[in-house]
Amino acid sequence: MATTVIEVEVDGETARKCREADPEARRWYGRVLSGWLASPEERAQAGARLRESMSHASADARRRGLTPEILEEILHDGYAVGV
């Protein structure tokens, strides 16, 4: 999706934080604002795409041998978050 730069009036501290944010954080801010301003239909479509992607990822993980027990062990031991 193409993006466009816009101007939004905010307080000075918020402006400073946005100016000083790294590019990844600025993209995240844009996605949050886009989601906030999306219509209910756009949000529903995005949710459907997310559910479909998660379903595909889950099916792939099961094909590769991931079981609920293995997943629980991974989550409990912190491997999933690099702890």
C-alpha atoms as a PDB file:
ATOM      1  CA  MET A   1       0.000   0.000   0.000  1.00  0.00           C
ATOM      2  CA  ALA A   2       1.308   3.439  -0.890  1.00  0.00           C
ATOM      3  CA  THR A   3       1.707   5.919   1.914  1.00  0.00           C
ATOM      4  CA  THR A   4       1.347   9.680   2.058  1.00  0.00           C
ATOM      5  CA  VAL A   5       2.863  12.137   4.507  1.00  0.00           C
ATOM      6  CA  ILE A   6       0.262  14.201   6.384  1.00  0.00           C
ATOM      7  CA  GLU A   7       0.314  16.949   8.976  1.00  0.00           C
ATOM      8  CA  VAL A   8      -1.470  16.466  12.281  1.00  0.00           C
ATOM      9  CA  GLU A   9      -1.482  19.024  15.087  1.00  0.00           C
ATOM     10  CA  VAL A  10      -0.152  17.555  18.343  1.00  0.00           C
ATOM     11  CA  ASP A  11       1.427  18.931  21.503  1.00  0.00           C
ATOM     12  CA  GLY A  12       5.133  19.751  21.519  1.00  0.00           C
ATOM     13  CA  GLU A  13       6.238  16.661  23.432  1.00  0.00           C
ATOM     14  CA  THR A  14       4.392  14.329  21.060  1.00  0.00           C
ATOM     15  CA  ALA A  15       5.897  16.154  18.068  1.00  0.00           C
ATOM     16  CA  ARG A  16       9.394  15.789  19.530  1.00  0.00           C
ATOM     17  CA  LYS A  17       8.906  12.066  20.117  1.00  0.00           C
ATOM     18  CA  CYS A  18       7.669  11.574  16.555  1.00  0.00           C
ATOM     19  CA  ARG A  19      10.571  13.530  15.054  1.00  0.00           C
ATOM     20  CA  GLU A  20      13.092  11.567  17.128  1.00  0.00           C
ATOM     21  CA  ALA A  21      11.516   8.143  16.500  1.00  0.00           C
ATOM     22  CA  ASP A  22      13.334   5.639  14.338  1.00  0.00           C
ATOM     23  CA  PRO A  23      11.810   4.781  10.935  1.00  0.00           C
ATOM     24  CA  GLU A  24      10.273   1.531  12.175  1.00  0.00           C
ATOM     25  CA  ALA A  25       8.480   3.321  15.022  1.00  0.00           C
ATOM     26  CA  ARG A  26       7.228   5.994  12.625  1.00  0.00           C
ATOM     27  CA  ARG A  27       5.793   3.307  10.320  1.00  0.00           C
ATOM     28  CA  TRP A  28       4.093   1.752  13.372  1.00  0.00           C
ATOM     29  CA  TYR A  29       2.577   5.134  14.292  1.00  0.00           C
ATOM     30  CA  GLY A  30       1.229   5.394  10.748  1.00  0.00           C
ATOM     31  CA  ARG A  31      -0.311   1.926  10.897  1.00  0.00           C
ATOM     32  CA  VAL A  32      -1.936   2.695  14.247  1.00  0.00           C
ATOM     33  CA  LEU A  33      -3.405   5.947  12.942  1.00  0.00           C
ATOM     34  CA  SER A  34      -4.586   4.261   9.737  1.00  0.00           C
ATOM     35  CA  GLY A  35      -6.277   1.532  11.765  1.00  0.00           C
ATOM     36  CA  TRP A  36      -7.859   4.067  14.073  1.00  0.00           C
ATOM     37  CA  LEU A  37      -9.351   5.958  11.143  1.00  0.00           C
ATOM     38  CA  ALA A  38     -10.410   2.890   9.147  1.00  0.00           C
ATOM     39  CA  SER A  39     -14.085   2.244   8.514  1.00  0.00           C
ATOM     40  CA  PRO A  40     -15.779  -0.718  10.210  1.00  0.00           C
ATOM     41  CA  GLU A  41     -15.783  -2.541   6.868  1.00  0.00           C
ATOM     42  CA  GLU A  42     -12.033  -1.970   6.416  1.00  0.00           C
ATOM     43  CA  ARG A  43     -11.390  -3.218   9.965  1.00  0.00           C
ATOM     44  CA  ALA A  44     -13.506  -6.317   9.304  1.00  0.00           C
ATOM     45  CA  GLN A  45     -11.581  -7.042   6.094  1.00  0.00           C
ATOM     46  CA  ALA A  46      -8.250  -6.598   7.888  1.00  0.00           C
ATOM     47  CA  GLY A  47      -9.417  -8.925  10.663  1.00  0.00           C
ATOM     48  CA  ALA A  48     -10.466 -11.548   8.110  1.00  0.00           C
ATOM     49  CA  ARG A  49      -7.043 -11.332   6.418  1.00  0.00           C
ATOM     50  CA  LEU A  50      -5.305 -11.698   9.782  1.00  0.00           C
ATOM     51  CA  ARG A  51      -7.421 -14.730  10.739  1.00  0.00           C
ATOM     52  CA  GLU A  52      -6.689 -16.340   7.355  1.00  0.00           C
ATOM     53  CA  SER A  53      -2.935 -15.735   7.742  1.00  0.00           C
ATOM     54  CA  MET A  54      -2.984 -17.139  11.265  1.00  0.00           C
ATOM     55  CA  SER A  55      -4.914 -20.184  10.094  1.00  0.00           C
ATOM     56  CA  HIS A  56      -2.334 -20.852   7.369  1.00  0.00           C
ATOM     57  CA  ALA A  57       0.539 -20.428   9.850  1.00  0.00           C
ATOM     58  CA  SER A  58      -1.168 -22.775  12.320  1.00  0.00           C
ATOM     59  CA  ALA A  59      -1.768 -25.431   9.670  1.00  0.00           C
ATOM     60  CA  ASP A  60       1.857 -25.154   8.525  1.00  0.00           C
ATOM     61  CA  ALA A  61       3.101 -25.502  12.112  1.00  0.00           C
ATOM     62  CA  ARG A  62       0.973 -28.627  12.618  1.00  0.00           C
ATOM     63  CA  ARG A  63       2.300 -30.125   9.365  1.00  0.00           C
ATOM     64  CA  ARG A  64       5.814 -29.523  10.666  1.00  0.00           C
ATOM     65  CA  GLY A  65       5.022 -31.368  13.894  1.00  0.00           C
ATOM     66  CA  LEU A  66       4.165 -28.602  16.349  1.00  0.00           C
ATOM     67  CA  THR A  67       1.742 -29.911  18.958  1.00  0.00           C
ATOM     68  CA  PRO A  68      -0.125 -27.962  21.645  1.00  0.00           C
ATOM     69  CA  GLU A  69       2.207 -29.548  24.214  1.00  0.00           C
ATOM     70  CA  ILE A  70       5.350 -28.430  22.376  1.00  0.00           C
ATOM     71  CA  LEU A  71       3.913 -24.940  21.947  1.00  0.00           C
ATOM     72  CA  GLU A  72       3.103 -24.741  25.662  1.00  0.00           C
ATOM     73  CA  GLU A  73       6.667 -25.794  26.493  1.00  0.00           C
ATOM     74  CA  ILE A  74       8.103 -23.175  24.133  1.00  0.00           C
ATOM     75  CA  LEU A  75       5.903 -20.444  25.599  1.00  0.00           C
ATOM     76  CA  HIS A  76       6.550 -21.524  29.183  1.00  0.00           C
ATOM     77  CA  ASP A  77      10.325 -21.609  28.712  1.00  0.00           C
ATOM     78  CA  GLY A  78      10.382 -18.208  26.999  1.00  0.00           C
ATOM     79  CA  TYR A  79      11.900 -19.403  23.713  1.00  0.00           C
ATOM     80  CA  ALA A  80       9.253 -17.602  21.683  1.00  0.00           C
ATOM     81  CA  VAL A  81      10.344 -14.208  22.987  1.00  0.00           C
ATOM     82  CA  GLY A  82      14.066 -14.819  23.053  1.00  0.00           C
ATOM     83  CA  VAL A  83      14.318 -14.890  26.854  1.00  0.00           C
END
